[in-house]
mmCIF file of all heavy atoms, coordinates in Angstrom:
data_MODEL
# 
_entry.id   MODEL 
# 
loop_
_atom_site.group_PDB 
_atom_site.id 
_atom_site.type_symbol 
_atom_site.label_atom_id 
_atom_site.label_alt_id 
_atom_site.label_comp_id 
_atom_site.label_asym_id 
_atom_site.label_entity_id 
_atom_site.label_seq_id 
_atom_site.pdbx_PDB_ins_code 
_atom_site.Cartn_x 
_atom_site.Cartn_y 
_atom_site.Cartn_z 
_atom_site.occupancy 
_atom_site.B_iso_or_equiv 
_atom_site.pdbx_formal_charge 
_atom_site.auth_seq_id 
_atom_site.auth_comp_id 
_atom_site.auth_asym_id 
_atom_site.auth_atom_id 
_atom_site.pdbx_PDB_model_num 
ATOM 1   N N   . TRP A 1 1  ? 44.121 66.006 124.109 1.00 0.00 ? 1  TRP A N   1 
ATOM 2   C CA  . TRP A 1 1  ? 44.991 65.205 124.958 1.00 0.00 ? 1  TRP A CA  1 
ATOM 3   C C   . TRP A 1 1  ? 44.584 63.748 124.795 1.00 0.00 ? 1  TRP A C   1 
ATOM 4   O O   . TRP A 1 1  ? 43.396 63.412 124.779 1.00 0.00 ? 1  TRP A O   1 
ATOM 5   C CB  . TRP A 1 1  ? 44.876 65.597 126.428 1.00 0.00 ? 1  TRP A CB  1 
ATOM 6   C CG  . TRP A 1 1  ? 45.671 64.665 127.308 1.00 0.00 ? 1  TRP A CG  1 
ATOM 7   C CD1 . TRP A 1 1  ? 47.003 64.724 127.561 1.00 0.00 ? 1  TRP A CD1 1 
ATOM 8   C CD2 . TRP A 1 1  ? 45.188 63.499 127.987 1.00 0.00 ? 1  TRP A CD2 1 
ATOM 9   N NE1 . TRP A 1 1  ? 47.385 63.682 128.371 1.00 0.00 ? 1  TRP A NE1 1 
ATOM 10  C CE2 . TRP A 1 1  ? 46.289 62.917 128.640 1.00 0.00 ? 1  TRP A CE2 1 
ATOM 11  C CE3 . TRP A 1 1  ? 43.934 62.903 128.100 1.00 0.00 ? 1  TRP A CE3 1 
ATOM 12  C CZ2 . TRP A 1 1  ? 46.172 61.759 129.412 1.00 0.00 ? 1  TRP A CZ2 1 
ATOM 13  C CZ3 . TRP A 1 1  ? 43.814 61.744 128.861 1.00 0.00 ? 1  TRP A CZ3 1 
ATOM 14  C CH2 . TRP A 1 1  ? 44.927 61.192 129.507 1.00 0.00 ? 1  TRP A CH2 1 
ATOM 15  N N   . GLY A 1 2  ? 45.569 62.890 124.651 1.00 0.00 ? 2  GLY A N   1 
ATOM 16  C CA  . GLY A 1 2  ? 45.320 61.460 124.606 1.00 0.00 ? 2  GLY A CA  1 
ATOM 17  C C   . GLY A 1 2  ? 46.361 60.738 125.422 1.00 0.00 ? 2  GLY A C   1 
ATOM 18  O O   . GLY A 1 2  ? 47.495 61.227 125.579 1.00 0.00 ? 2  GLY A O   1 
ATOM 19  N N   . ARG A 1 3  ? 45.999 59.590 125.938 1.00 0.00 ? 3  ARG A N   1 
ATOM 20  C CA  . ARG A 1 3  ? 47.000 58.795 126.647 1.00 0.00 ? 3  ARG A CA  1 
ATOM 21  C C   . ARG A 1 3  ? 48.134 58.480 125.676 1.00 0.00 ? 3  ARG A C   1 
ATOM 22  O O   . ARG A 1 3  ? 47.893 57.991 124.570 1.00 0.00 ? 3  ARG A O   1 
ATOM 23  C CB  . ARG A 1 3  ? 46.374 57.515 127.193 1.00 0.00 ? 3  ARG A CB  1 
ATOM 24  C CG  . ARG A 1 3  ? 45.329 57.765 128.253 1.00 0.00 ? 3  ARG A CG  1 
ATOM 25  C CD  . ARG A 1 3  ? 44.953 56.493 128.997 1.00 0.00 ? 3  ARG A CD  1 
ATOM 26  N NE  . ARG A 1 3  ? 43.929 56.775 129.982 1.00 0.00 ? 3  ARG A NE  1 
ATOM 27  C CZ  . ARG A 1 3  ? 44.153 57.296 131.195 1.00 0.00 ? 3  ARG A CZ  1 
ATOM 28  N NH1 . ARG A 1 3  ? 45.404 57.565 131.568 1.00 0.00 ? 3  ARG A NH1 1 
ATOM 29  N NH2 . ARG A 1 3  ? 43.165 57.545 132.020 1.00 0.00 ? 3  ARG A NH2 1 
ATOM 30  N N   . PRO A 1 4  ? 49.376 58.793 126.053 1.00 0.00 ? 4  PRO A N   1 
ATOM 31  C CA  . PRO A 1 4  ? 50.483 58.638 125.105 1.00 0.00 ? 4  PRO A CA  1 
ATOM 32  C C   . PRO A 1 4  ? 50.579 57.265 124.465 1.00 0.00 ? 4  PRO A C   1 
ATOM 33  O O   . PRO A 1 4  ? 50.898 57.150 123.282 1.00 0.00 ? 4  PRO A O   1 
ATOM 34  C CB  . PRO A 1 4  ? 51.714 58.959 125.965 1.00 0.00 ? 4  PRO A CB  1 
ATOM 35  C CG  . PRO A 1 4  ? 51.200 59.918 126.998 1.00 0.00 ? 4  PRO A CG  1 
ATOM 36  C CD  . PRO A 1 4  ? 49.816 59.434 127.317 1.00 0.00 ? 4  PRO A CD  1 
ATOM 37  N N   . GLU A 1 5  ? 50.270 56.220 125.232 1.00 0.00 ? 5  GLU A N   1 
ATOM 38  C CA  . GLU A 1 5  ? 50.365 54.875 124.673 1.00 0.00 ? 5  GLU A CA  1 
ATOM 39  C C   . GLU A 1 5  ? 49.291 54.637 123.606 1.00 0.00 ? 5  GLU A C   1 
ATOM 40  O O   . GLU A 1 5  ? 49.491 53.845 122.672 1.00 0.00 ? 5  GLU A O   1 
ATOM 41  C CB  . GLU A 1 5  ? 50.274 53.816 125.773 1.00 0.00 ? 5  GLU A CB  1 
ATOM 42  C CG  . GLU A 1 5  ? 48.953 53.763 126.515 1.00 0.00 ? 5  GLU A CG  1 
ATOM 43  C CD  . GLU A 1 5  ? 48.874 54.702 127.713 1.00 0.00 ? 5  GLU A CD  1 
ATOM 44  O OE1 . GLU A 1 5  ? 49.671 55.667 127.765 1.00 0.00 ? 5  GLU A OE1 1 
ATOM 45  O OE2 . GLU A 1 5  ? 48.018 54.463 128.583 1.00 0.00 ? 5  GLU A OE2 1 
ATOM 46  N N   . ILE A 1 6  ? 48.159 55.318 123.726 1.00 0.00 ? 6  ILE A N   1 
ATOM 47  C CA  . ILE A 1 6  ? 47.112 55.198 122.703 1.00 0.00 ? 6  ILE A CA  1 
ATOM 48  C C   . ILE A 1 6  ? 47.489 56.000 121.474 1.00 0.00 ? 6  ILE A C   1 
ATOM 49  O O   . ILE A 1 6  ? 47.391 55.517 120.339 1.00 0.00 ? 6  ILE A O   1 
ATOM 50  C CB  . ILE A 1 6  ? 45.749 55.652 123.256 1.00 0.00 ? 6  ILE A CB  1 
ATOM 51  C CG1 . ILE A 1 6  ? 45.331 54.759 124.421 1.00 0.00 ? 6  ILE A CG1 1 
ATOM 52  C CG2 . ILE A 1 6  ? 44.689 55.634 122.156 1.00 0.00 ? 6  ILE A CG2 1 
ATOM 53  C CD1 . ILE A 1 6  ? 44.058 55.206 125.111 1.00 0.00 ? 6  ILE A CD1 1 
ATOM 54  N N   . LEU A 1 7  ? 47.954 57.234 121.678 1.00 0.00 ? 7  LEU A N   1 
ATOM 55  C CA  . LEU A 1 7  ? 48.382 58.064 120.552 1.00 0.00 ? 7  LEU A CA  1 
ATOM 56  C C   . LEU A 1 7  ? 49.492 57.374 119.760 1.00 0.00 ? 7  LEU A C   1 
ATOM 57  O O   . LEU A 1 7  ? 49.526 57.451 118.524 1.00 0.00 ? 7  LEU A O   1 
ATOM 58  C CB  . LEU A 1 7  ? 48.874 59.427 121.046 1.00 0.00 ? 7  LEU A CB  1 
ATOM 59  C CG  . LEU A 1 7  ? 47.835 60.372 121.654 1.00 0.00 ? 7  LEU A CG  1 
ATOM 60  C CD1 . LEU A 1 7  ? 48.525 61.645 122.145 1.00 0.00 ? 7  LEU A CD1 1 
ATOM 61  C CD2 . LEU A 1 7  ? 46.738 60.718 120.659 1.00 0.00 ? 7  LEU A CD2 1 
ATOM 62  N N   . ALA A 1 8  ? 50.395 56.691 120.459 1.00 0.00 ? 8  ALA A N   1 
ATOM 63  C CA  . ALA A 1 8  ? 51.530 56.043 119.786 1.00 0.00 ? 8  ALA A CA  1 
ATOM 64  C C   . ALA A 1 8  ? 51.080 54.969 118.815 1.00 0.00 ? 8  ALA A C   1 
ATOM 65  O O   . ALA A 1 8  ? 51.780 54.682 117.827 1.00 0.00 ? 8  ALA A O   1 
ATOM 66  C CB  . ALA A 1 8  ? 52.488 55.450 120.824 1.00 0.00 ? 8  ALA A CB  1 
ATOM 67  N N   . GLY A 1 9  ? 49.911 54.382 119.056 1.00 0.00 ? 9  GLY A N   1 
ATOM 68  C CA  . GLY A 1 9  ? 49.421 53.332 118.182 1.00 0.00 ? 9  GLY A CA  1 
ATOM 69  C C   . GLY A 1 9  ? 48.480 53.819 117.093 1.00 0.00 ? 9  GLY A C   1 
ATOM 70  O O   . GLY A 1 9  ? 47.967 52.993 116.316 1.00 0.00 ? 9  GLY A O   1 
ATOM 71  N N   . MET A 1 10 ? 48.257 55.133 117.022 1.00 0.00 ? 10 MET A N   1 
ATOM 72  C CA  . MET A 1 10 ? 47.314 55.679 116.040 1.00 0.00 ? 10 MET A CA  1 
ATOM 73  C C   . MET A 1 10 ? 48.033 56.099 114.762 1.00 0.00 ? 10 MET A C   1 
ATOM 74  O O   . MET A 1 10 ? 49.120 56.684 114.825 1.00 0.00 ? 10 MET A O   1 
ATOM 75  C CB  . MET A 1 10 ? 46.572 56.877 116.638 1.00 0.00 ? 10 MET A CB  1 
ATOM 76  C CG  . MET A 1 10 ? 45.573 56.487 117.716 1.00 0.00 ? 10 MET A CG  1 
ATOM 77  S SD  . MET A 1 10 ? 44.957 57.883 118.720 1.00 0.00 ? 10 MET A SD  1 
ATOM 78  C CE  . MET A 1 10 ? 44.446 59.069 117.478 1.00 0.00 ? 10 MET A CE  1 
ATOM 79  N N   . PRO A 1 11 ? 47.429 55.843 113.595 1.00 0.00 ? 11 PRO A N   1 
ATOM 80  C CA  . PRO A 1 11 ? 48.040 56.283 112.328 1.00 0.00 ? 11 PRO A CA  1 
ATOM 81  C C   . PRO A 1 11 ? 47.841 57.774 112.115 1.00 0.00 ? 11 PRO A C   1 
ATOM 82  O O   . PRO A 1 11 ? 47.016 58.409 112.783 1.00 0.00 ? 11 PRO A O   1 
ATOM 83  C CB  . PRO A 1 11 ? 47.265 55.475 111.284 1.00 0.00 ? 11 PRO A CB  1 
ATOM 84  C CG  . PRO A 1 11 ? 45.928 55.257 111.908 1.00 0.00 ? 11 PRO A CG  1 
ATOM 85  C CD  . PRO A 1 11 ? 46.188 55.082 113.374 1.00 0.00 ? 11 PRO A CD  1 
ATOM 86  N N   . PRO A 1 12 ? 48.586 58.378 111.182 1.00 0.00 ? 12 PRO A N   1 
ATOM 87  C CA  . PRO A 1 12 ? 48.428 59.805 110.901 1.00 0.00 ? 12 PRO A CA  1 
ATOM 88  C C   . PRO A 1 12 ? 47.006 60.142 110.465 1.00 0.00 ? 12 PRO A C   1 
ATOM 89  O O   . PRO A 1 12 ? 46.291 59.314 109.895 1.00 0.00 ? 12 PRO A O   1 
ATOM 90  C CB  . PRO A 1 12 ? 49.414 60.057 109.759 1.00 0.00 ? 12 PRO A CB  1 
ATOM 91  C CG  . PRO A 1 12 ? 50.403 58.954 109.881 1.00 0.00 ? 12 PRO A CG  1 
ATOM 92  C CD  . PRO A 1 12 ? 49.649 57.769 110.389 1.00 0.00 ? 12 PRO A CD  1 
ATOM 93  N N   . TYR A 1 13 ? 46.627 61.373 110.749 1.00 0.00 ? 13 TYR A N   1 
ATOM 94  C CA  . TYR A 1 13 ? 45.326 61.888 110.330 1.00 0.00 ? 13 TYR A CA  1 
ATOM 95  C C   . TYR A 1 13 ? 45.461 62.683 109.035 1.00 0.00 ? 13 TYR A C   1 
ATOM 96  O O   . TYR A 1 13 ? 44.589 62.636 108.183 1.00 0.00 ? 13 TYR A O   1 
ATOM 97  C CB  . TYR A 1 13 ? 44.758 62.764 111.447 1.00 0.00 ? 13 TYR A CB  1 
ATOM 98  C CG  . TYR A 1 13 ? 43.415 63.393 111.160 1.00 0.00 ? 13 TYR A CG  1 
ATOM 99  C CD1 . TYR A 1 13 ? 42.326 62.604 110.789 1.00 0.00 ? 13 TYR A CD1 1 
ATOM 100 C CD2 . TYR A 1 13 ? 43.234 64.764 111.290 1.00 0.00 ? 13 TYR A CD2 1 
ATOM 101 C CE1 . TYR A 1 13 ? 41.090 63.172 110.547 1.00 0.00 ? 13 TYR A CE1 1 
ATOM 102 C CE2 . TYR A 1 13 ? 41.998 65.341 111.051 1.00 0.00 ? 13 TYR A CE2 1 
ATOM 103 C CZ  . TYR A 1 13 ? 40.930 64.542 110.674 1.00 0.00 ? 13 TYR A CZ  1 
ATOM 104 O OH  . TYR A 1 13 ? 39.704 65.111 110.442 1.00 0.00 ? 13 TYR A OH  1 
ATOM 105 N N   . MET A 1 14 ? 46.564 63.412 108.898 1.00 0.00 ? 14 MET A N   1 
ATOM 106 C CA  . MET A 1 14 ? 46.893 64.149 107.675 1.00 0.00 ? 14 MET A CA  1 
ATOM 107 C C   . MET A 1 14 ? 48.356 63.900 107.343 1.00 0.00 ? 14 MET A C   1 
ATOM 108 O O   . MET A 1 14 ? 49.162 63.671 108.245 1.00 0.00 ? 14 MET A O   1 
ATOM 109 C CB  . MET A 1 14 ? 46.647 65.654 107.828 1.00 0.00 ? 14 MET A CB  1 
ATOM 110 C CG  . MET A 1 14 ? 45.204 66.042 108.006 1.00 0.00 ? 14 MET A CG  1 
ATOM 111 S SD  . MET A 1 14 ? 44.965 67.839 107.860 1.00 0.00 ? 14 MET A SD  1 
ATOM 112 C CE  . MET A 1 14 ? 45.983 68.431 109.203 1.00 0.00 ? 14 MET A CE  1 
ATOM 113 N N   . GLY A 1 15 ? 48.686 63.980 106.057 1.00 0.00 ? 15 GLY A N   1 
ATOM 114 C CA  . GLY A 1 15 ? 50.064 63.795 105.632 1.00 0.00 ? 15 GLY A CA  1 
ATOM 115 C C   . GLY A 1 15 ? 50.687 65.100 105.184 1.00 0.00 ? 15 GLY A C   1 
ATOM 116 O O   . GLY A 1 15 ? 50.007 65.999 104.706 1.00 0.00 ? 15 GLY A O   1 
ATOM 117 N N   . GLY A 1 16 ? 52.014 65.207 105.350 1.00 0.00 ? 16 GLY A N   1 
ATOM 118 C CA  . GLY A 1 16 ? 52.723 66.406 104.930 1.00 0.00 ? 16 GLY A CA  1 
ATOM 119 C C   . GLY A 1 16 ? 54.002 66.582 105.701 1.00 0.00 ? 16 GLY A C   1 
ATOM 120 O O   . GLY A 1 16 ? 54.565 65.628 106.237 1.00 0.00 ? 16 GLY A O   1 
ATOM 121 N N   . GLY A 1 17 ? 54.455 67.833 105.764 1.00 0.00 ? 17 GLY A N   1 
ATOM 122 C CA  . GLY A 1 17 ? 55.678 68.120 106.497 1.00 0.00 ? 17 GLY A CA  1 
ATOM 123 C C   . GLY A 1 17 ? 55.487 67.984 107.989 1.00 0.00 ? 17 GLY A C   1 
ATOM 124 O O   . GLY A 1 17 ? 54.375 68.067 108.511 1.00 0.00 ? 17 GLY A O   1 
ATOM 125 N N   . GLU A 1 18 ? 56.583 67.741 108.683 1.00 0.00 ? 18 GLU A N   1 
ATOM 126 C CA  . GLU A 1 18 ? 56.660 67.686 110.143 1.00 0.00 ? 18 GLU A CA  1 
ATOM 127 C C   . GLU A 1 18 ? 56.143 66.398 110.746 1.00 0.00 ? 18 GLU A C   1 
ATOM 128 O O   . GLU A 1 18 ? 56.571 66.012 111.827 1.00 0.00 ? 18 GLU A O   1 
ATOM 129 C CB  . GLU A 1 18 ? 55.931 68.870 110.798 1.00 0.00 ? 18 GLU A CB  1 
ATOM 130 C CG  . GLU A 1 18 ? 56.649 70.188 110.674 1.00 0.00 ? 18 GLU A CG  1 
ATOM 131 C CD  . GLU A 1 18 ? 58.075 70.124 111.188 1.00 0.00 ? 18 GLU A CD  1 
ATOM 132 O OE1 . GLU A 1 18 ? 58.288 69.781 112.361 1.00 0.00 ? 18 GLU A OE1 1 
ATOM 133 O OE2 . GLU A 1 18 ? 58.996 70.394 110.411 1.00 0.00 ? 18 GLU A OE2 1 
ATOM 134 N N   . MET A 1 19 ? 55.194 65.722 110.087 1.00 0.00 ? 19 MET A N   1 
ATOM 135 C CA  . MET A 1 19 ? 54.636 64.514 110.703 1.00 0.00 ? 19 MET A CA  1 
ATOM 136 C C   . MET A 1 19 ? 55.390 63.260 110.276 1.00 0.00 ? 19 MET A C   1 
ATOM 137 O O   . MET A 1 19 ? 54.988 62.148 110.592 1.00 0.00 ? 19 MET A O   1 
ATOM 138 C CB  . MET A 1 19 ? 53.141 64.371 110.394 1.00 0.00 ? 19 MET A CB  1 
ATOM 139 C CG  . MET A 1 19 ? 52.725 64.524 108.945 1.00 0.00 ? 19 MET A CG  1 
ATOM 140 S SD  . MET A 1 19 ? 53.107 63.138 107.862 1.00 0.00 ? 19 MET A SD  1 
ATOM 141 C CE  . MET A 1 19 ? 52.059 61.882 108.534 1.00 0.00 ? 19 MET A CE  1 
ATOM 142 N N   . ILE A 1 20 ? 56.504 63.455 109.600 1.00 0.00 ? 20 ILE A N   1 
ATOM 143 C CA  . ILE A 1 20 ? 57.235 62.317 109.052 1.00 0.00 ? 20 ILE A CA  1 
ATOM 144 C C   . ILE A 1 20 ? 58.549 62.088 109.797 1.00 0.00 ? 20 ILE A C   1 
ATOM 145 O O   . ILE A 1 20 ? 59.086 62.978 110.459 1.00 0.00 ? 20 ILE A O   1 
ATOM 146 C CB  . ILE A 1 20 ? 57.530 62.525 107.548 1.00 0.00 ? 20 ILE A CB  1 
ATOM 147 C CG1 . ILE A 1 20 ? 58.295 63.841 107.310 1.00 0.00 ? 20 ILE A CG1 1 
ATOM 148 C CG2 . ILE A 1 20 ? 56.232 62.533 106.774 1.00 0.00 ? 20 ILE A CG2 1 
ATOM 149 C CD1 . ILE A 1 20 ? 59.775 63.748 107.365 1.00 0.00 ? 20 ILE A CD1 1 
ATOM 150 N N   . SER A 1 21 ? 59.063 60.859 109.675 1.00 0.00 ? 21 SER A N   1 
ATOM 151 C CA  . SER A 1 21 ? 60.415 60.554 110.105 1.00 0.00 ? 21 SER A CA  1 
ATOM 152 C C   . SER A 1 21 ? 61.325 60.492 108.885 1.00 0.00 ? 21 SER A C   1 
ATOM 153 O O   . SER A 1 21 ? 62.377 61.122 108.825 1.00 0.00 ? 21 SER A O   1 
ATOM 154 C CB  . SER A 1 21 ? 60.442 59.226 110.870 1.00 0.00 ? 21 SER A CB  1 
ATOM 155 O OG  . SER A 1 21 ? 61.764 58.866 111.210 1.00 0.00 ? 21 SER A OG  1 
ATOM 156 N N   . ARG A 1 22 ? 60.872 59.743 107.863 1.00 0.00 ? 22 ARG A N   1 
ATOM 157 C CA  . ARG A 1 22 ? 61.647 59.623 106.631 1.00 0.00 ? 22 ARG A CA  1 
ATOM 158 C C   . ARG A 1 22 ? 60.687 59.359 105.476 1.00 0.00 ? 22 ARG A C   1 
ATOM 159 O O   . ARG A 1 22 ? 59.747 58.568 105.604 1.00 0.00 ? 22 ARG A O   1 
ATOM 160 C CB  . ARG A 1 22 ? 62.662 58.483 106.749 1.00 0.00 ? 22 ARG A CB  1 
ATOM 161 C CG  . ARG A 1 22 ? 63.590 58.321 105.551 1.00 0.00 ? 22 ARG A CG  1 
ATOM 162 C CD  . ARG A 1 22 ? 64.701 57.343 105.883 1.00 0.00 ? 22 ARG A CD  1 
ATOM 163 N NE  . ARG A 1 22 ? 65.651 57.225 104.785 1.00 0.00 ? 22 ARG A NE  1 
ATOM 164 C CZ  . ARG A 1 22 ? 65.571 56.310 103.817 1.00 0.00 ? 22 ARG A CZ  1 
ATOM 165 N NH1 . ARG A 1 22 ? 64.556 55.435 103.826 1.00 0.00 ? 22 ARG A NH1 1 
ATOM 166 N NH2 . ARG A 1 22 ? 66.462 56.248 102.859 1.00 0.00 ? 22 ARG A NH2 1 
ATOM 167 N N   . VAL A 1 23 ? 60.932 60.052 104.360 1.00 0.00 ? 23 VAL A N   1 
ATOM 168 C CA  . VAL A 1 23 ? 60.086 59.888 103.180 1.00 0.00 ? 23 VAL A CA  1 
ATOM 169 C C   . VAL A 1 23 ? 60.935 59.417 102.008 1.00 0.00 ? 23 VAL A C   1 
ATOM 170 O O   . VAL A 1 23 ? 61.987 59.991 101.715 1.00 0.00 ? 23 VAL A O   1 
ATOM 171 C CB  . VAL A 1 23 ? 59.385 61.221 102.806 1.00 0.00 ? 23 VAL A CB  1 
ATOM 172 C CG1 . VAL A 1 23 ? 58.575 61.052 101.515 1.00 0.00 ? 23 VAL A CG1 1 
ATOM 173 C CG2 . VAL A 1 23 ? 58.487 61.689 103.932 1.00 0.00 ? 23 VAL A CG2 1 
ATOM 174 N N   . THR A 1 24 ? 60.497 58.361 101.356 1.00 0.00 ? 24 THR A N   1 
ATOM 175 C CA  . THR A 1 24 ? 61.062 57.937 100.075 1.00 0.00 ? 24 THR A CA  1 
ATOM 176 C C   . THR A 1 24 ? 59.906 57.758 99.111  1.00 0.00 ? 24 THR A C   1 
ATOM 177 O O   . THR A 1 24 ? 58.726 57.767 99.510  1.00 0.00 ? 24 THR A O   1 
ATOM 178 C CB  . THR A 1 24 ? 61.829 56.605 100.203 1.00 0.00 ? 24 THR A CB  1 
ATOM 179 O OG1 . THR A 1 24 ? 60.893 55.550 100.447 1.00 0.00 ? 24 THR A OG1 1 
ATOM 180 C CG2 . THR A 1 24 ? 62.860 56.663 101.326 1.00 0.00 ? 24 THR A CG2 1 
ATOM 181 N N   . LEU A 1 25 ? 60.210 57.612 97.843  1.00 0.00 ? 25 LEU A N   1 
ATOM 182 C CA  . LEU A 1 25 ? 59.151 57.378 96.872  1.00 0.00 ? 25 LEU A CA  1 
ATOM 183 C C   . LEU A 1 25 ? 58.485 56.030 97.092  1.00 0.00 ? 25 LEU A C   1 
ATOM 184 O O   . LEU A 1 25 ? 57.360 55.797 96.629  1.00 0.00 ? 25 LEU A O   1 
ATOM 185 C CB  . LEU A 1 25 ? 59.700 57.471 95.450  1.00 0.00 ? 25 LEU A CB  1 
ATOM 186 C CG  . LEU A 1 25 ? 60.178 58.869 95.017  1.00 0.00 ? 25 LEU A CG  1 
ATOM 187 C CD1 . LEU A 1 25 ? 60.729 58.819 93.600  1.00 0.00 ? 25 LEU A CD1 1 
ATOM 188 C CD2 . LEU A 1 25 ? 59.036 59.878 95.128  1.00 0.00 ? 25 LEU A CD2 1 
# 
């Protein structure tokens, strides 16, 4: 659990499916 405002400012920890909004090359 993290304060939502803190989580919102954190970069991804792992990359892949589901954690994206839009992917281009």
